[in-house]
Amino acid sequence: MYDFYKISSTSPVVAKILIVNPVAQIMQDLRYMFITPQTITINQVFKSEWARLIPIAIVLATSILAVLYFKKRSPYFAEEV
C-alpha cells in the first residue's frame, strides 16, 4: 500500500485523495488497530472526525446509483448479456 507518512509530508493534497478511497481507509484502520496506533488515518489527514463519513458517502452514492441504473436497464438485461 502507500506510505502515507512520505506522501502526507510531500503532498497533503495527494494524501487526501488517496485516503478517501474506502478500501485504503479500511486498510489504514486495520493497521491502526492491529499493528500500530501511529498509522495515519483519515481523521489525521483531514483533521476532523467528520472526514470518516467521506468514504461511507462514496460507497452509499455508488450503491444507490448502481441500483437505479440496474432498475432502469433490467428490462433489457437478457438481450444485452
Protein backbone atom coordinates (compact mmCIF):
# COMPACT_ATOMS: atom_id res chain seq x y z
CA MET A 1 0.00 0.00 0.00
CA TYR A 2 1.03 3.60 0.23
CA ASP A 3 3.44 5.09 2.73
CA PHE A 4 1.20 7.87 3.99
CA TYR A 5 3.99 9.39 6.08
CA LYS A 6 6.02 10.17 2.96
CA ILE A 7 3.01 11.16 0.88
CA SER A 8 1.45 13.41 3.50
CA SER A 9 4.72 15.22 4.12
CA THR A 10 5.40 15.61 0.39
CA SER A 11 1.92 16.42 -0.89
CA PRO A 12 -1.02 16.75 1.50
CA VAL A 13 -3.46 17.03 -1.42
CA VAL A 14 -2.41 13.66 -2.84
CA ALA A 15 -2.64 12.11 0.63
CA LYS A 16 -6.22 13.38 0.95
CA ILE A 17 -7.17 11.95 -2.45
CA LEU A 18 -5.66 8.55 -1.62
CA ILE A 19 -7.16 8.26 1.86
CA VAL A 20 -10.68 9.00 0.58
CA ASN A 21 -10.63 5.60 -1.15
CA PRO A 22 -12.86 3.37 1.02
CA VAL A 23 -10.53 0.37 0.70
CA ALA A 24 -7.49 2.44 1.69
CA GLN A 25 -9.38 3.70 4.73
CA ILE A 26 -10.25 0.15 5.79
CA MET A 27 -6.61 -0.92 5.45
CA GLN A 28 -5.35 2.08 7.41
CA ASP A 29 -7.90 1.46 10.18
CA LEU A 30 -6.87 -2.21 10.40
CA ARG A 31 -3.21 -1.19 10.63
CA TYR A 32 -4.13 1.30 13.33
CA MET A 33 -5.99 -1.34 15.37
CA PHE A 34 -3.72 -4.36 14.95
CA ILE A 35 -0.21 -3.13 14.17
CA THR A 36 0.49 0.37 15.48
CA PRO A 37 -1.56 3.37 16.61
CA GLN A 38 0.93 5.59 14.78
CA THR A 39 -0.71 4.77 11.44
CA ILE A 40 -2.18 7.76 9.64
CA THR A 41 -5.96 7.60 9.36
CA ILE A 42 -8.47 9.80 7.59
CA ASN A 43 -9.10 11.72 10.81
CA GLN A 44 -5.46 12.79 10.94
CA VAL A 45 -5.23 13.69 7.25
CA PHE A 46 -8.34 15.88 7.25
CA LYS A 47 -8.01 16.88 10.94
CA SER A 48 -11.69 16.16 11.52
CA GLU A 49 -13.80 13.35 12.91
CA TRP A 50 -16.41 14.06 10.23
CA ALA A 51 -13.95 13.06 7.49
CA ARG A 52 -14.67 9.42 8.28
CA LEU A 53 -18.05 9.90 6.58
CA ILE A 54 -16.46 10.66 3.17
CA PRO A 55 -15.65 7.02 2.23
CA ILE A 56 -19.03 5.91 3.59
CA ALA A 57 -20.76 8.53 1.43
CA ILE A 58 -18.82 7.34 -1.64
CA VAL A 59 -19.92 3.74 -1.08
CA LEU A 60 -23.55 4.75 -0.46
CA ALA A 61 -23.68 7.01 -3.52
CA THR A 62 -22.14 4.34 -5.74
CA SER A 63 -24.57 1.72 -4.43
CA ILE A 64 -27.61 3.94 -4.96
CA LEU A 65 -26.52 4.83 -8.49
CA ALA A 66 -25.90 1.15 -9.27
CA VAL A 67 -29.36 0.15 -8.07
CA LEU A 68 -31.02 2.94 -10.04
CA TYR A 69 -29.08 2.04 -13.17
CA PHE A 70 -29.92 -1.67 -12.78
CA LYS A 71 -33.62 -0.94 -12.33
CA LYS A 72 -33.61 1.23 -15.44
CA ARG A 73 -31.76 -1.34 -17.57
CA SER A 74 -33.27 -4.56 -16.12
CA PRO A 75 -35.99 -4.96 -18.80
CA TYR A 76 -33.24 -5.19 -21.43
CA PHE A 77 -30.81 -7.28 -19.38
CA ALA A 78 -31.44 -10.62 -21.13
CA GLU A 79 -30.98 -9.10 -24.60
CA GLU A 80 -27.75 -7.31 -23.71
CA VAL A 81 -25.99 -10.18 -21.96
